[in-house]
PDB file of all heavy atoms in Angstrom:
ATOM      1  N   ASP A   1       0.072   2.102  -7.814  1.00  0.00           N
ATOM      2  CA  ASP A   1       1.360   1.727  -8.394  1.00  0.00           C
ATOM      3  C   ASP A   1       1.149   1.327  -9.845  1.00  0.00           C
ATOM      4  O   ASP A   1       0.266   0.522 -10.147  1.00  0.00           O
ATOM      5  CB  ASP A   1       1.988   0.554  -7.617  1.00  0.00           C
ATOM      6  CG  ASP A   1       3.353   0.164  -8.179  1.00  0.00           C
ATOM      7  OD1 ASP A   1       4.168   1.073  -8.433  1.00  0.00           O
ATOM      8  OD2 ASP A   1       3.596  -1.045  -8.375  1.00  0.00           O
ATOM      9  N   GLN A   2       1.925   1.952 -10.735  1.00  0.00           N
ATOM     10  CA  GLN A   2       1.855   1.661 -12.164  1.00  0.00           C
ATOM     11  C   GLN A   2       0.419   1.740 -12.687  1.00  0.00           C
ATOM     12  O   GLN A   2      -0.024   0.918 -13.483  1.00  0.00           O
ATOM     13  CB  GLN A   2       2.476   0.293 -12.454  1.00  0.00           C
ATOM     14  CG  GLN A   2       3.955   0.239 -12.085  1.00  0.00           C
ATOM     15  CD  GLN A   2       4.586  -1.115 -12.345  1.00  0.00           C
ATOM     16  OE1 GLN A   2       3.907  -2.107 -12.635  1.00  0.00           O
ATOM     17  NE2 GLN A   2       5.900  -1.172 -12.253  1.00  0.00           N
ATOM     18  N   GLY A   3      -0.298   2.745 -12.196  1.00  0.00           N
ATOM     19  CA  GLY A   3      -1.654   2.991 -12.676  1.00  0.00           C
ATOM     20  C   GLY A   3      -2.733   2.128 -12.074  1.00  0.00           C
ATOM     21  O   GLY A   3      -3.903   2.259 -12.435  1.00  0.00           O
ATOM     22  N   LYS A   4      -2.382   1.263 -11.132  1.00  0.00           N
ATOM     23  CA  LYS A   4      -3.362   0.363 -10.529  1.00  0.00           C
ATOM     24  C   LYS A   4      -3.558   0.701  -9.054  1.00  0.00           C
ATOM     25  O   LYS A   4      -2.606   1.057  -8.361  1.00  0.00           O
ATOM     26  CB  LYS A   4      -2.909  -1.088 -10.665  1.00  0.00           C
ATOM     27  CG  LYS A   4      -2.784  -1.559 -12.111  1.00  0.00           C
ATOM     28  CD  LYS A   4      -2.293  -2.990 -12.178  1.00  0.00           C
ATOM     29  CE  LYS A   4      -2.151  -3.451 -13.629  1.00  0.00           C
ATOM     30  NZ  LYS A   4      -1.641  -4.849 -13.714  1.00  0.00           N
ATOM     31  N   LEU A   5      -4.791   0.594  -8.584  1.00  0.00           N
ATOM     32  CA  LEU A   5      -5.100   0.793  -7.176  1.00  0.00           C
ATOM     33  C   LEU A   5      -4.861  -0.536  -6.452  1.00  0.00           C
ATOM     34  O   LEU A   5      -5.599  -1.499  -6.638  1.00  0.00           O
ATOM     35  CB  LEU A   5      -6.553   1.241  -7.008  1.00  0.00           C
ATOM     36  CG  LEU A   5      -7.016   1.524  -5.583  1.00  0.00           C
ATOM     37  CD1 LEU A   5      -6.242   2.697  -4.984  1.00  0.00           C
ATOM     38  CD2 LEU A   5      -8.518   1.808  -5.550  1.00  0.00           C
ATOM     39  N   LEU A   6      -3.812  -0.574  -5.615  1.00  0.00           N
ATOM     40  CA  LEU A   6      -3.448  -1.810  -4.937  1.00  0.00           C
ATOM     41  C   LEU A   6      -4.149  -1.985  -3.599  1.00  0.00           C
ATOM     42  O   LEU A   6      -4.355  -3.111  -3.157  1.00  0.00           O
ATOM     43  CB  LEU A   6      -1.929  -1.870  -4.720  1.00  0.00           C
ATOM     44  CG  LEU A   6      -1.050  -1.813  -5.971  1.00  0.00           C
ATOM     45  CD1 LEU A   6       0.410  -2.045  -5.583  1.00  0.00           C
ATOM     46  CD2 LEU A   6      -1.504  -2.828  -7.008  1.00  0.00           C
ATOM     47  N   ALA A   7      -4.468  -0.868  -2.937  1.00  0.00           N
ATOM     48  CA  ALA A   7      -5.114  -0.963  -1.631  1.00  0.00           C
ATOM     49  C   ALA A   7      -5.792   0.358  -1.316  1.00  0.00           C
ATOM     50  O   ALA A   7      -5.356   1.419  -1.757  1.00  0.00           O
ATOM     51  CB  ALA A   7      -4.094  -1.298  -0.540  1.00  0.00           C
ATOM     52  N   CYS A   8      -6.860   0.288  -0.524  1.00  0.00           N
ATOM     53  CA  CYS A   8      -7.544   1.497  -0.064  1.00  0.00           C
ATOM     54  C   CYS A   8      -8.189   1.180   1.284  1.00  0.00           C
ATOM     55  O   CYS A   8      -8.891   0.172   1.411  1.00  0.00           O
ATOM     56  CB  CYS A   8      -8.603   1.949  -1.068  1.00  0.00           C
ATOM     57  SG  CYS A   8      -9.433   3.494  -0.587  1.00  0.00           S
ATOM     58  N   GLY A   9      -7.915   2.030   2.268  1.00  0.00           N
ATOM     59  CA  GLY A   9      -8.518   1.784   3.566  1.00  0.00           C
ATOM     60  C   GLY A   9      -7.766   2.442   4.700  1.00  0.00           C
ATOM     61  O   GLY A   9      -7.241   3.550   4.556  1.00  0.00           O
ATOM     62  N   ASP A  10      -7.696   1.750   5.824  1.00  0.00           N
ATOM     63  CA  ASP A  10      -7.097   2.264   7.055  1.00  0.00           C
ATOM     64  C   ASP A  10      -5.614   2.590   6.839  1.00  0.00           C
ATOM     65  O   ASP A  10      -4.832   1.709   6.472  1.00  0.00           O
ATOM     66  CB  ASP A  10      -7.246   1.199   8.146  1.00  0.00           C
ATOM     67  CG  ASP A  10      -6.780   1.680   9.508  1.00  0.00           C
ATOM     68  OD1 ASP A  10      -6.024   2.665   9.583  1.00  0.00           O
ATOM     69  OD2 ASP A  10      -7.181   1.056  10.509  1.00  0.00           O
ATOM     70  N   PRO A  11      -5.199   3.855   7.076  1.00  0.00           N
ATOM     71  CA  PRO A  11      -3.789   4.215   6.858  1.00  0.00           C
ATOM     72  C   PRO A  11      -2.819   3.372   7.664  1.00  0.00           C
ATOM     73  O   PRO A  11      -1.757   2.982   7.155  1.00  0.00           O
ATOM     74  CB  PRO A  11      -3.742   5.685   7.302  1.00  0.00           C
ATOM     75  CG  PRO A  11      -5.124   6.185   7.121  1.00  0.00           C
ATOM     76  CD  PRO A  11      -6.014   5.032   7.445  1.00  0.00           C
ATOM     77  N   ALA A  12      -3.160   3.062   8.922  1.00  0.00           N
ATOM     78  CA  ALA A  12      -2.254   2.292   9.766  1.00  0.00           C
ATOM     79  C   ALA A  12      -1.991   0.910   9.190  1.00  0.00           C
ATOM     80  O   ALA A  12      -0.860   0.405   9.228  1.00  0.00           O
ATOM     81  CB  ALA A  12      -2.820   2.183  11.178  1.00  0.00           C
ATOM     82  N   VAL A  13      -3.026   0.302   8.638  1.00  0.00           N
ATOM     83  CA  VAL A  13      -2.881  -1.040   8.059  1.00  0.00           C
ATOM     84  C   VAL A  13      -2.053  -0.989   6.777  1.00  0.00           C
ATOM     85  O   VAL A  13      -1.130  -1.781   6.580  1.00  0.00           O
ATOM     86  CB  VAL A  13      -4.269  -1.650   7.772  1.00  0.00           C
ATOM     87  CG1 VAL A  13      -4.132  -2.972   7.022  1.00  0.00           C
ATOM     88  CG2 VAL A  13      -5.030  -1.849   9.074  1.00  0.00           C
ATOM     89  N   ILE A  14      -2.354  -0.037   5.906  1.00  0.00           N
ATOM     90  CA  ILE A  14      -1.665   0.046   4.619  1.00  0.00           C
ATOM     91  C   ILE A  14      -0.194   0.398   4.800  1.00  0.00           C
ATOM     92  O   ILE A  14       0.680  -0.177   4.148  1.00  0.00           O
ATOM     93  CB  ILE A  14      -2.370   1.064   3.712  1.00  0.00           C
ATOM     94  CG1 ILE A  14      -3.750   0.518   3.320  1.00  0.00           C
ATOM     95  CG2 ILE A  14      -1.542   1.369   2.465  1.00  0.00           C
ATOM     96  CD1 ILE A  14      -4.596   1.484   2.520  1.00  0.00           C
ATOM     97  N   LEU A  15       0.114   1.317   5.710  1.00  0.00           N
ATOM     98  CA  LEU A  15       1.505   1.741   5.901  1.00  0.00           C
ATOM     99  C   LEU A  15       2.368   0.652   6.530  1.00  0.00           C
ATOM    100  O   LEU A  15       3.600   0.689   6.429  1.00  0.00           O
ATOM    101  CB  LEU A  15       1.551   3.007   6.762  1.00  0.00           C
ATOM    102  CG  LEU A  15       1.007   4.275   6.096  1.00  0.00           C
ATOM    103  CD1 LEU A  15       0.947   5.419   7.094  1.00  0.00           C
ATOM    104  CD2 LEU A  15       1.863   4.659   4.890  1.00  0.00           C
ATOM    105  N   LYS A  16       1.729  -0.314   7.167  1.00  0.00           N
ATOM    106  CA  LYS A  16       2.481  -1.409   7.781  1.00  0.00           C
ATOM    107  C   LYS A  16       2.648  -2.599   6.852  1.00  0.00           C
ATOM    108  O   LYS A  16       3.345  -3.564   7.194  1.00  0.00           O
ATOM    109  CB  LYS A  16       1.782  -1.859   9.070  1.00  0.00           C
ATOM    110  CG  LYS A  16       1.884  -0.854  10.208  1.00  0.00           C
ATOM    111  CD  LYS A  16       1.171  -1.361  11.450  1.00  0.00           C
ATOM    112  CE  LYS A  16       1.256  -0.337  12.585  1.00  0.00           C
ATOM    113  NZ  LYS A  16       0.520  -0.808  13.793  1.00  0.00           N
ATOM    114  N   ASP A  17       2.023  -2.556   5.683  1.00  0.00           N
ATOM    115  CA  ASP A  17       2.112  -3.679   4.743  1.00  0.00           C
ATOM    116  C   ASP A  17       3.515  -3.719   4.133  1.00  0.00           C
ATOM    117  O   ASP A  17       3.917  -2.785   3.434  1.00  0.00           O
ATOM    118  CB  ASP A  17       1.068  -3.506   3.642  1.00  0.00           C
ATOM    119  CG  ASP A  17       0.987  -4.702   2.718  1.00  0.00           C
ATOM    120  OD1 ASP A  17       2.027  -5.099   2.156  1.00  0.00           O
ATOM    121  OD2 ASP A  17      -0.124  -5.232   2.539  1.00  0.00           O
ATOM    122  N   PRO A  18       4.283  -4.774   4.380  1.00  0.00           N
ATOM    123  CA  PRO A  18       5.675  -4.810   3.901  1.00  0.00           C
ATOM    124  C   PRO A  18       5.800  -4.790   2.384  1.00  0.00           C
ATOM    125  O   PRO A  18       6.748  -4.212   1.843  1.00  0.00           O
ATOM    126  CB  PRO A  18       6.232  -6.111   4.495  1.00  0.00           C
ATOM    127  CG  PRO A  18       5.025  -6.945   4.811  1.00  0.00           C
ATOM    128  CD  PRO A  18       3.938  -5.986   5.154  1.00  0.00           C
ATOM    129  N   GLN A  19       4.859  -5.395   1.673  1.00  0.00           N
ATOM    130  CA  GLN A  19       4.927  -5.400   0.211  1.00  0.00           C
ATOM    131  C   GLN A  19       4.693  -4.002  -0.353  1.00  0.00           C
ATOM    132  O   GLN A  19       5.391  -3.560  -1.273  1.00  0.00           O
ATOM    133  CB  GLN A  19       3.906  -6.380  -0.359  1.00  0.00           C
ATOM    134  CG  GLN A  19       4.226  -7.841  -0.059  1.00  0.00           C
ATOM    135  CD  GLN A  19       3.213  -8.781  -0.679  1.00  0.00           C
ATOM    136  OE1 GLN A  19       2.036  -8.441  -0.831  1.00  0.00           O
ATOM    137  NE2 GLN A  19       3.661  -9.967  -1.045  1.00  0.00           N
ATOM    138  N   LEU A  20       3.724  -3.277   0.206  1.00  0.00           N
ATOM    139  CA  LEU A  20       3.459  -1.921  -0.254  1.00  0.00           C
ATOM    140  C   LEU A  20       4.607  -0.989   0.114  1.00  0.00           C
ATOM    141  O   LEU A  20       4.977  -0.103  -0.665  1.00  0.00           O
ATOM    142  CB  LEU A  20       2.144  -1.401   0.333  1.00  0.00           C
ATOM    143  CG  LEU A  20       0.876  -2.162  -0.066  1.00  0.00           C
ATOM    144  CD1 LEU A  20      -0.354  -1.540   0.581  1.00  0.00           C
ATOM    145  CD2 LEU A  20       0.712  -2.210  -1.580  1.00  0.00           C
ATOM    146  N   ALA A  21       5.183  -1.190   1.298  1.00  0.00           N
ATOM    147  CA  ALA A  21       6.325  -0.370   1.709  1.00  0.00           C
ATOM    148  C   ALA A  21       7.503  -0.578   0.770  1.00  0.00           C
ATOM    149  O   ALA A  21       8.212   0.373   0.409  1.00  0.00           O
ATOM    150  CB  ALA A  21       6.716  -0.710   3.143  1.00  0.00           C
ATOM    151  N   ALA A  22       7.725  -1.823   0.341  1.00  0.00           N
ATOM    152  CA  ALA A  22       8.824  -2.106  -0.580  1.00  0.00           C
ATOM    153  C   ALA A  22       8.612  -1.397  -1.912  1.00  0.00           C
ATOM    154  O   ALA A  22       9.553  -0.857  -2.506  1.00  0.00           O
ATOM    155  CB  ALA A  22       8.942  -3.613  -0.788  1.00  0.00           C
ATOM    156  N   ILE A  23       7.368  -1.376  -2.391  1.00  0.00           N
ATOM    157  CA  ILE A  23       7.060  -0.668  -3.639  1.00  0.00           C
ATOM    158  C   ILE A  23       7.278   0.834  -3.461  1.00  0.00           C
ATOM    159  O   ILE A  23       7.894   1.491  -4.292  1.00  0.00           O
ATOM    160  CB  ILE A  23       5.605  -0.955  -4.076  1.00  0.00           C
ATOM    161  CG1 ILE A  23       5.454  -2.418  -4.480  1.00  0.00           C
ATOM    162  CG2 ILE A  23       5.201  -0.049  -5.231  1.00  0.00           C
ATOM    163  CD1 ILE A  23       4.019  -2.838  -4.729  1.00  0.00           C
ATOM    164  N   TYR A  24       6.773   1.355  -2.356  1.00  0.00           N
ATOM    165  CA  TYR A  24       6.844   2.802  -2.125  1.00  0.00           C
ATOM    166  C   TYR A  24       8.289   3.281  -2.037  1.00  0.00           C
ATOM    167  O   TYR A  24       8.632   4.342  -2.588  1.00  0.00           O
ATOM    168  CB  TYR A  24       6.115   3.159  -0.825  1.00  0.00           C
ATOM    169  CG  TYR A  24       6.011   4.634  -0.578  1.00  0.00           C
ATOM    170  CD1 TYR A  24       5.002   5.380  -1.178  1.00  0.00           C
ATOM    171  CD2 TYR A  24       6.921   5.299   0.237  1.00  0.00           C
ATOM    172  CE1 TYR A  24       4.902   6.752  -0.971  1.00  0.00           C
ATOM    173  CE2 TYR A  24       6.831   6.663   0.449  1.00  0.00           C
ATOM    174  CZ  TYR A  24       5.817   7.382  -0.157  1.00  0.00           C
ATOM    175  OH  TYR A  24       5.732   8.736   0.045  1.00  0.00           O
TER     176      TYR A  24
END
């Protein structure tokens, strides 16, 4: 997001993150 790597790892964990979902 905005040129920064916010998270990297398990897809199930990242897709369930409410903050990342709000950004996406």
